[in-house]
Amino acid sequence: MIDIATIDVTQEDIAKGDARNPESCPVALAASRVCKQPMMAGSYRLHSVMGATQYRTGAIPKSVQRWIEDFDEGRSVEPIKFEVMLYGV
């Protein structure tokens, strides 16, 4: 299965997000809301494991990778919107 998801990271996601936490960073919060399942945001990928044989994963655009790095380093960030192609079974 392949889906294209539009991830809209809001000011609320930024305020609630935790730096250096792939499960509760602003990008993960926004992706979880859009995908209607817990998602994790790593340095390069969004992913979710839904059991031993089910998963969803997709590459994070470079601009979003830099955004996550800025957030993790405590630099000021603005809301961001991006698309990601999610693959999964």
PDB file of N, CA and C in Angstrom:
ATOM      1  N   MET A   1       0.846  -1.175   0.000  1.00  0.00           N
ATOM      2  CA  MET A   1       0.000   0.000   0.000  1.00  0.00           C
ATOM      3  C   MET A   1       0.896   1.244   0.000  1.00  0.00           C
ATOM      4  N   ILE A   2       0.536   2.207  -0.820  1.00  0.00           N
ATOM      5  CA  ILE A   2       1.265   3.475  -0.882  1.00  0.00           C
ATOM      6  C   ILE A   2       0.256   4.604  -0.714  1.00  0.00           C
ATOM      7  N   ASP A   3       0.548   5.522   0.208  1.00  0.00           N
ATOM      8  CA  ASP A   3      -0.292   6.691   0.441  1.00  0.00           C
ATOM      9  C   ASP A   3       0.579   7.936   0.408  1.00  0.00           C
ATOM     10  N   ILE A   4       0.024   9.029  -0.078  1.00  0.00           N
ATOM     11  CA  ILE A   4       0.689  10.324   0.061  1.00  0.00           C
ATOM     12  C   ILE A   4      -0.059  11.078   1.147  1.00  0.00           C
ATOM     13  N   ALA A   5       0.659  11.436   2.196  1.00  0.00           N
ATOM     14  CA  ALA A   5       0.063  12.141   3.331  1.00  0.00           C
ATOM     15  C   ALA A   5       0.598  13.564   3.384  1.00  0.00           C
ATOM     16  N   THR A   6      -0.313  14.510   3.620  1.00  0.00           N
ATOM     17  CA  THR A   6       0.081  15.895   3.837  1.00  0.00           C
ATOM     18  C   THR A   6       0.163  16.119   5.336  1.00  0.00           C
ATOM     19  N   ILE A   7       1.354  16.402   5.819  1.00  0.00           N
ATOM     20  CA  ILE A   7       1.606  16.592   7.248  1.00  0.00           C
ATOM     21  C   ILE A   7       1.656  18.091   7.520  1.00  0.00           C
ATOM     22  N   ASP A   8       0.781  18.558   8.389  1.00  0.00           N
ATOM     23  CA  ASP A   8       0.675  19.976   8.731  1.00  0.00           C
ATOM     24  C   ASP A   8       1.077  20.146  10.197  1.00  0.00           C
ATOM     25  N   VAL A   9       2.319  20.558  10.431  1.00  0.00           N
ATOM     26  CA  VAL A   9       2.823  20.764  11.794  1.00  0.00           C
ATOM     27  C   VAL A   9       2.374  22.157  12.244  1.00  0.00           C
ATOM     28  N   THR A  10       1.511  22.193  13.260  1.00  0.00           N
ATOM     29  CA  THR A  10       0.921  23.450  13.726  1.00  0.00           C
ATOM     30  C   THR A  10       1.720  24.043  14.888  1.00  0.00           C
ATOM     31  N   GLN A  11       1.360  25.271  15.237  1.00  0.00           N
ATOM     32  CA  GLN A  11       1.974  25.908  16.401  1.00  0.00           C
ATOM     33  C   GLN A  11       1.688  25.094  17.659  1.00  0.00           C
ATOM     34  N   GLU A  12       0.515  24.493  17.740  1.00  0.00           N
ATOM     35  CA  GLU A  12       0.168  23.648  18.890  1.00  0.00           C
ATOM     36  C   GLU A  12       1.082  22.425  18.955  1.00  0.00           C
ATOM     37  N   ASP A  13       1.373  21.808  17.798  1.00  0.00           N
ATOM     38  CA  ASP A  13       2.304  20.671  17.774  1.00  0.00           C
ATOM     39  C   ASP A  13       3.679  21.101  18.279  1.00  0.00           C
ATOM     40  N   ILE A  14       4.113  22.287  17.861  1.00  0.00           N
ATOM     41  CA  ILE A  14       5.418  22.802  18.287  1.00  0.00           C
ATOM     42  C   ILE A  14       5.431  23.011  19.800  1.00  0.00           C
ATOM     43  N   ALA A  15       4.359  23.590  20.335  1.00  0.00           N
ATOM     44  CA  ALA A  15       4.286  23.858  21.771  1.00  0.00           C
ATOM     45  C   ALA A  15       4.238  22.565  22.594  1.00  0.00           C
ATOM     46  N   LYS A  16       3.557  21.551  22.082  1.00  0.00           N
ATOM     47  CA  LYS A  16       3.411  20.281  22.815  1.00  0.00           C
ATOM     48  C   LYS A  16       4.573  19.319  22.576  1.00  0.00           C
ATOM     49  N   GLY A  17       5.339  19.534  21.500  1.00  0.00           N
ATOM     50  CA  GLY A  17       6.372  18.582  21.113  1.00  0.00           C
ATOM     51  C   GLY A  17       7.577  18.577  22.032  1.00  0.00           C
ATOM     52  N   ASP A  18       8.248  17.442  22.039  1.00  0.00           N
ATOM     53  CA  ASP A  18       9.456  17.246  22.840  1.00  0.00           C
ATOM     54  C   ASP A  18      10.665  17.098  21.914  1.00  0.00           C
ATOM     55  N   ALA A  19      11.696  17.872  22.202  1.00  0.00           N
ATOM     56  CA  ALA A  19      12.932  17.771  21.423  1.00  0.00           C
ATOM     57  C   ALA A  19      13.585  16.413  21.640  1.00  0.00           C
ATOM     58  N   ARG A  20      14.198  15.921  20.585  1.00  0.00           N
ATOM     59  CA  ARG A  20      14.963  14.667  20.627  1.00  0.00           C
ATOM     60  C   ARG A  20      14.146  13.462  21.063  1.00  0.00           C
ATOM     61  N   ASN A  21      12.834  13.504  20.805  1.00  0.00           N
ATOM     62  CA  ASN A  21      11.975  12.371  21.132  1.00  0.00           C
ATOM     63  C   ASN A  21      11.198  11.995  19.874  1.00  0.00           C
ATOM     64  N   PRO A  22      11.564  10.900  19.221  1.00  0.00           N
ATOM     65  CA  PRO A  22      10.938  10.557  17.947  1.00  0.00           C
ATOM     66  C   PRO A  22       9.449  10.255  18.044  1.00  0.00           C
ATOM     67  N   GLU A  23       8.962   9.947  19.237  1.00  0.00           N
ATOM     68  CA  GLU A  23       7.544   9.626  19.397  1.00  0.00           C
ATOM     69  C   GLU A  23       6.695  10.848  19.725  1.00  0.00           C
ATOM     70  N   SER A  24       7.317  11.927  20.220  1.00  0.00           N
ATOM     71  CA  SER A  24       6.512  13.087  20.619  1.00  0.00           C
ATOM     72  C   SER A  24       7.080  14.416  20.131  1.00  0.00           C
ATOM     73  N   CYS A  25       7.908  14.366  19.087  1.00  0.00           N
ATOM     74  CA  CYS A  25       8.350  15.629  18.488  1.00  0.00           C
ATOM     75  C   CYS A  25       7.173  16.201  17.687  1.00  0.00           C
ATOM     76  N   PRO A  26       7.204  17.470  17.341  1.00  0.00           N
ATOM     77  CA  PRO A  26       6.074  18.061  16.622  1.00  0.00           C
ATOM     78  C   PRO A  26       5.720  17.336  15.316  1.00  0.00           C
ATOM     79  N   VAL A  27       6.721  16.872  14.586  1.00  0.00           N
ATOM     80  CA  VAL A  27       6.447  16.166  13.333  1.00  0.00           C
ATOM     81  C   VAL A  27       5.729  14.853  13.614  1.00  0.00           C
ATOM     82  N   ALA A  28       6.146  14.127  14.642  1.00  0.00           N
ATOM     83  CA  ALA A  28       5.479  12.874  15.005  1.00  0.00           C
ATOM     84  C   ALA A  28       4.043  13.126  15.454  1.00  0.00           C
ATOM     85  N   LEU A  29       3.820  14.188  16.221  1.00  0.00           N
ATOM     86  CA  LEU A  29       2.460  14.509  16.665  1.00  0.00           C
ATOM     87  C   LEU A  29       1.556  14.789  15.470  1.00  0.00           C
ATOM     88  N   ALA A  30       2.046  15.600  14.535  1.00  0.00           N
ATOM     89  CA  ALA A  30       1.246  15.934  13.351  1.00  0.00           C
ATOM     90  C   ALA A  30       1.017  14.705  12.473  1.00  0.00           C
ATOM     91  N   ALA A  31       2.043  13.906  12.263  1.00  0.00           N
ATOM     92  CA  ALA A  31       1.903  12.703  11.437  1.00  0.00           C
ATOM     93  C   ALA A  31       0.939  11.710  12.068  1.00  0.00           C
ATOM     94  N   SER A  32       1.000  11.566  13.380  1.00  0.00           N
ATOM     95  CA  SER A  32       0.085  10.654  14.077  1.00  0.00           C
ATOM     96  C   SER A  32      -1.356  11.101  13.892  1.00  0.00           C
ATOM     97  N   ARG A  33      -1.583  12.400  13.939  1.00  0.00           N
ATOM     98  CA  ARG A  33      -2.935  12.936  13.761  1.00  0.00           C
ATOM     99  C   ARG A  33      -3.437  12.651  12.340  1.00  0.00           C
ATOM    100  N   VAL A  34      -2.606  12.891  11.358  1.00  0.00           N
ATOM    101  CA  VAL A  34      -3.000  12.701   9.963  1.00  0.00           C
ATOM    102  C   VAL A  34      -3.186  11.218   9.637  1.00  0.00           C
ATOM    103  N   CYS A  35      -2.290  10.384  10.107  1.00  0.00           N
ATOM    104  CA  CYS A  35      -2.313   8.952   9.773  1.00  0.00           C
ATOM    105  C   CYS A  35      -3.244   8.143  10.675  1.00  0.00           C
ATOM    106  N   LYS A  36      -3.735   8.778  11.724  1.00  0.00           N
ATOM    107  CA  LYS A  36      -4.656   8.128  12.668  1.00  0.00           C
ATOM    108  C   LYS A  36      -4.061   6.869  13.302  1.00  0.00           C
ATOM    109  N   GLN A  37      -2.761   6.962  13.584  1.00  0.00           N
ATOM    110  CA  GLN A  37      -2.034   5.905  14.281  1.00  0.00           C
ATOM    111  C   GLN A  37      -0.737   6.506  14.805  1.00  0.00           C
ATOM    112  N   PRO A  38      -0.148   5.917  15.840  1.00  0.00           N
ATOM    113  CA  PRO A  38       1.118   6.458  16.358  1.00  0.00           C
ATOM    114  C   PRO A  38       2.224   6.381  15.297  1.00  0.00           C
ATOM    115  N   MET A  39       2.872   7.513  15.072  1.00  0.00           N
ATOM    116  CA  MET A  39       3.979   7.589  14.124  1.00  0.00           C
ATOM    117  C   MET A  39       5.207   8.116  14.859  1.00  0.00           C
ATOM    118  N   MET A  40       6.376   7.719  14.394  1.00  0.00           N
ATOM    119  CA  MET A  40       7.632   8.219  14.937  1.00  0.00           C
ATOM    120  C   MET A  40       8.374   8.956  13.833  1.00  0.00           C
ATOM    121  N   ALA A  41       9.049  10.034  14.224  1.00  0.00           N
ATOM    122  CA  ALA A  41       9.835  10.807  13.266  1.00  0.00           C
ATOM    123  C   ALA A  41      11.306  10.666  13.618  1.00  0.00           C
ATOM    124  N   GLY A  42      12.013   9.919  12.804  1.00  0.00           N
ATOM    125  CA  GLY A  42      13.453   9.797  12.978  1.00  0.00           C
ATOM    126  C   GLY A  42      14.152  10.917  12.228  1.00  0.00           C
ATOM    127  N   SER A  43      15.441  10.835  12.137  1.00  0.00           N
ATOM    128  CA  SER A  43      16.206  11.867  11.444  1.00  0.00           C
ATOM    129  C   SER A  43      15.888  11.932   9.958  1.00  0.00           C
ATOM    130  N   TYR A  44      15.542  10.793   9.372  1.00  0.00           N
ATOM    131  CA  TYR A  44      15.342  10.729   7.931  1.00  0.00           C
ATOM    132  C   TYR A  44      13.997  10.155   7.501  1.00  0.00           C
ATOM    133  N   ARG A  45      13.257   9.527   8.441  1.00  0.00           N
ATOM    134  CA  ARG A  45      12.042   8.807   8.061  1.00  0.00           C
ATOM    135  C   ARG A  45      10.933   8.986   9.085  1.00  0.00           C
ATOM    136  N   LEU A  46       9.709   8.892   8.591  1.00  0.00           N
ATOM    137  CA  LEU A  46       8.543   8.686   9.445  1.00  0.00           C
ATOM    138  C   LEU A  46       8.267   7.197   9.428  1.00  0.00           C
ATOM    139  N   HIS A  47       7.905   6.646  10.549  1.00  0.00           N
ATOM    140  CA  HIS A  47       7.560   5.238  10.537  1.00  0.00           C
ATOM    141  C   HIS A  47       6.650   4.868  11.702  1.00  0.00           C
ATOM    142  N   SER A  48       5.962   3.755  11.496  1.00  0.00           N
ATOM    143  CA  SER A  48       5.081   3.204  12.514  1.00  0.00           C
ATOM    144  C   SER A  48       5.113   1.700  12.383  1.00  0.00           C
ATOM    145  N   VAL A  49       5.136   1.026  13.496  1.00  0.00           N
ATOM    146  CA  VAL A  49       5.050  -0.426  13.513  1.00  0.00           C
ATOM    147  C   VAL A  49       3.709  -0.778  14.147  1.00  0.00           C
ATOM    148  N   MET A  50       2.913  -1.545  13.427  1.00  0.00           N
ATOM    149  CA  MET A  50       1.567  -1.875  13.890  1.00  0.00           C
ATOM    150  C   MET A  50       1.427  -3.356  14.190  1.00  0.00           C
ATOM    151  N   GLY A  51       2.494  -4.019  14.504  1.00  0.00           N
ATOM    152  CA  GLY A  51       2.468  -5.446  14.758  1.00  0.00           C
ATOM    153  C   GLY A  51       3.706  -6.073  14.151  1.00  0.00           C
ATOM    154  N   ALA A  52       3.800  -7.371  14.267  1.00  0.00           N
ATOM    155  CA  ALA A  52       5.000  -8.073  13.814  1.00  0.00           C
ATOM    156  C   ALA A  52       5.222  -7.953  12.312  1.00  0.00           C
ATOM    157  N   THR A  53       4.152  -7.821  11.525  1.00  0.00           N
ATOM    158  CA  THR A  53       4.311  -7.812  10.073  1.00  0.00           C
ATOM    159  C   THR A  53       3.685  -6.593   9.395  1.00  0.00           C
ATOM    160  N   GLN A  54       3.244  -5.608  10.166  1.00  0.00           N
ATOM    161  CA  GLN A  54       2.620  -4.431   9.576  1.00  0.00           C
ATOM    162  C   GLN A  54       3.419  -3.183   9.940  1.00  0.00           C
ATOM    163  N   TYR A  55       3.604  -2.315   8.961  1.00  0.00           N
ATOM    164  CA  TYR A  55       4.355  -1.083   9.204  1.00  0.00           C
ATOM    165  C   TYR A  55       3.971  -0.050   8.156  1.00  0.00           C
ATOM    166  N   ARG A  56       4.322   1.208   8.424  1.00  0.00           N
ATOM    167  CA  ARG A  56       4.246   2.297   7.444  1.00  0.00           C
ATOM    168  C   ARG A  56       5.536   3.086   7.579  1.00  0.00           C
ATOM    169  N   THR A  57       6.113   3.484   6.475  1.00  0.00           N
ATOM    170  CA  THR A  57       7.351   4.244   6.510  1.00  0.00           C
ATOM    171  C   THR A  57       7.443   5.149   5.287  1.00  0.00           C
ATOM    172  N   GLY A  58       8.146   6.256   5.444  1.00  0.00           N
ATOM    173  CA  GLY A  58       8.349   7.170   4.326  1.00  0.00           C
ATOM    174  C   GLY A  58       9.485   8.130   4.615  1.00  0.00           C
ATOM    175  N   ALA A  59      10.195   8.516   3.576  1.00  0.00           N
ATOM    176  CA  ALA A  59      11.332   9.431   3.715  1.00  0.00           C
ATOM    177  C   ALA A  59      10.847  10.851   4.005  1.00  0.00           C
ATOM    178  N   ILE A  60      11.509  11.507   4.950  1.00  0.00           N
ATOM    179  CA  ILE A  60      11.208  12.893   5.297  1.00  0.00           C
ATOM    180  C   ILE A  60      12.019  13.796   4.357  1.00  0.00           C
ATOM    181  N   PRO A  61      11.375  14.819   3.763  1.00  0.00           N
ATOM    182  CA  PRO A  61      12.125  15.739   2.895  1.00  0.00           C
ATOM    183  C   PRO A  61      13.280  16.417   3.639  1.00  0.00           C
ATOM    184  N   LYS A  62      14.332  16.761   2.894  1.00  0.00           N
ATOM    185  CA  LYS A  62      15.518  17.390   3.516  1.00  0.00           C
ATOM    186  C   LYS A  62      15.163  18.657   4.275  1.00  0.00           C
ATOM    187  N   SER A  63      14.241  19.457   3.758  1.00  0.00           N
ATOM    188  CA  SER A  63      13.860  20.686   4.459  1.00  0.00           C
ATOM    189  C   SER A  63      13.247  20.374   5.823  1.00  0.00           C
ATOM    190  N   VAL A  64      12.529  19.273   5.917  1.00  0.00           N
ATOM    191  CA  VAL A  64      11.928  18.872   7.195  1.00  0.00           C
ATOM    192  C   VAL A  64      12.999  18.281   8.111  1.00  0.00           C
ATOM    193  N   GLN A  65      13.965  17.591   7.544  1.00  0.00           N
ATOM    194  CA  GLN A  65      15.084  17.095   8.344  1.00  0.00           C
ATOM    195  C   GLN A  65      15.790  18.258   9.030  1.00  0.00           C
ATOM    196  N   ARG A  66      16.014  19.350   8.287  1.00  0.00           N
ATOM    197  CA  ARG A  66      16.660  20.541   8.870  1.00  0.00           C
ATOM    198  C   ARG A  66      15.748  21.175   9.930  1.00  0.00           C
ATOM    199  N   TRP A  67      14.449  21.194   9.676  1.00  0.00           N
ATOM    200  CA  TRP A  67      13.479  21.745  10.626  1.00  0.00           C
ATOM    201  C   TRP A  67      13.551  20.969  11.946  1.00  0.00           C
ATOM    202  N   ILE A  68      13.574  19.640  11.859  1.00  0.00           N
ATOM    203  CA  ILE A  68      13.663  18.796  13.062  1.00  0.00           C
ATOM    204  C   ILE A  68      14.970  19.086  13.799  1.00  0.00           C
ATOM    205  N   GLU A  69      16.069  19.202  13.063  1.00  0.00           N
ATOM    206  CA  GLU A  69      17.366  19.513  13.685  1.00  0.00           C
ATOM    207  C   GLU A  69      17.300  20.856  14.415  1.00  0.00           C
ATOM    208  N   ASP A  70      16.704  21.858  13.778  1.00  0.00           N
ATOM    209  CA  ASP A  70      16.558  23.170  14.426  1.00  0.00           C
ATOM    210  C   ASP A  70      15.739  23.046  15.707  1.00  0.00           C
ATOM    211  N   PHE A  71      14.622  22.338  15.647  1.00  0.00           N
ATOM    212  CA  PHE A  71      13.777  22.162  16.830  1.00  0.00           C
ATOM    213  C   PHE A  71      14.550  21.440  17.938  1.00  0.00           C
ATOM    214  N   ASP A  72      15.233  20.364  17.571  1.00  0.00           N
ATOM    215  CA  ASP A  72      15.987  19.588  18.558  1.00  0.00           C
ATOM    216  C   ASP A  72      17.106  20.404  19.205  1.00  0.00           C
ATOM    217  N   GLU A  73      17.667  21.357  18.461  1.00  0.00           N
ATOM    218  CA  GLU A  73      18.752  22.190  18.982  1.00  0.00           C
ATOM    219  C   GLU A  73      18.237  23.430  19.716  1.00  0.00           C
ATOM    220  N   GLY A  74      16.916  23.564  19.823  1.00  0.00           N
ATOM    221  CA  GLY A  74      16.336  24.678  20.572  1.00  0.00           C
ATOM    222  C   GLY A  74      16.209  25.967  19.784  1.00  0.00           C
ATOM    223  N   ARG A  75      16.428  25.884  18.469  1.00  0.00           N
ATOM    224  CA  ARG A  75      16.261  27.078  17.637  1.00  0.00           C
ATOM    225  C   ARG A  75      14.775  27.300  17.351  1.00  0.00           C
ATOM    226  N   SER A  76      14.400  28.522  17.103  1.00  0.00           N
ATOM    227  CA  SER A  76      13.014  28.879  16.824  1.00  0.00           C
ATOM    228  C   SER A  76      12.574  28.279  15.485  1.00  0.00           C
ATOM    229  N   VAL A  77      11.385  27.677  15.465  1.00  0.00           N
ATOM    230  CA  VAL A  77      10.827  27.111  14.235  1.00  0.00           C
ATOM    231  C   VAL A  77       9.398  27.622  14.056  1.00  0.00           C
ATOM    232  N   GLU A  78       8.965  27.634  12.818  1.00  0.00           N
ATOM    233  CA  GLU A  78       7.610  28.039  12.456  1.00  0.00           C
ATOM    234  C   GLU A  78       6.826  26.806  12.012  1.00  0.00           C
ATOM    235  N   PRO A  79       5.505  26.882  12.021  1.00  0.00           N
ATOM    236  CA  PRO A  79       4.711  25.768  11.479  1.00  0.00           C
ATOM    237  C   PRO A  79       5.168  25.435  10.050  1.00  0.00           C
ATOM    238  N   ILE A  80       5.015  24.173   9.697  1.00  0.00           N
ATOM    239  CA  ILE A  80       5.479  23.694   8.395  1.00  0.00           C
ATOM    240  C   ILE A  80       4.476  22.682   7.865  1.00  0.00           C
ATOM    241  N   LYS A  81       4.350  22.630   6.546  1.00  0.00           N
ATOM    242  CA  LYS A  81       3.483  21.653   5.894  1.00  0.00           C
ATOM    243  C   LYS A  81       4.300  20.971   4.807  1.00  0.00           C
ATOM    244  N   PHE A  82       4.167  19.635   4.719  1.00  0.00           N
ATOM    245  CA  PHE A  82       4.909  18.896   3.708  1.00  0.00           C
ATOM    246  C   PHE A  82       4.169  17.617   3.361  1.00  0.00           C
ATOM    247  N   GLU A  83       4.547  17.033   2.243  1.00  0.00           N
ATOM    248  CA  GLU A  83       3.980  15.755   1.828  1.00  0.00           C
ATOM    249  C   GLU A  83       5.027  14.662   1.984  1.00  0.00           C
ATOM    250  N   VAL A  84       4.537  13.493   2.332  1.00  0.00           N
ATOM    251  CA  VAL A  84       5.419  12.328   2.448  1.00  0.00           C
ATOM    252  C   VAL A  84       4.708  11.133   1.826  1.00  0.00           C
ATOM    253  N   MET A  85       5.462  10.339   1.075  1.00  0.00           N
ATOM    254  CA  MET A  85       4.921   9.124   0.510  1.00  0.00           C
ATOM    255  C   MET A  85       5.163   7.993   1.499  1.00  0.00           C
ATOM    256  N   LEU A  86       4.085   7.398   1.994  1.00  0.00           N
ATOM    257  CA  LEU A  86       4.177   6.331   2.982  1.00  0.00           C
ATOM    258  C   LEU A  86       3.952   4.975   2.326  1.00  0.00           C
ATOM    259  N   TYR A  87       4.872   4.073   2.565  1.00  0.00           N
ATOM    260  CA  TYR A  87       4.777   2.706   2.079  1.00  0.00           C
ATOM    261  C   TYR A  87       4.465   1.827   3.265  1.00  0.00           C
ATOM    262  N   GLY A  88       3.762   0.758   3.035  1.00  0.00           N
ATOM    263  CA  GLY A  88       3.513  -0.151   4.139  1.00  0.00           C
ATOM    264  C   GLY A  88       2.753  -1.378   3.740  1.00  0.00           C
ATOM    265  N   VAL A  89       2.679  -2.270   4.694  1.00  0.00           N
ATOM    266  CA  VAL A  89       1.910  -3.502   4.518  1.00  0.00           C
ATOM    267  C   VAL A  89       1.038  -3.713   5.722  1.00  0.00           C
TER     268      VAL A  89
END
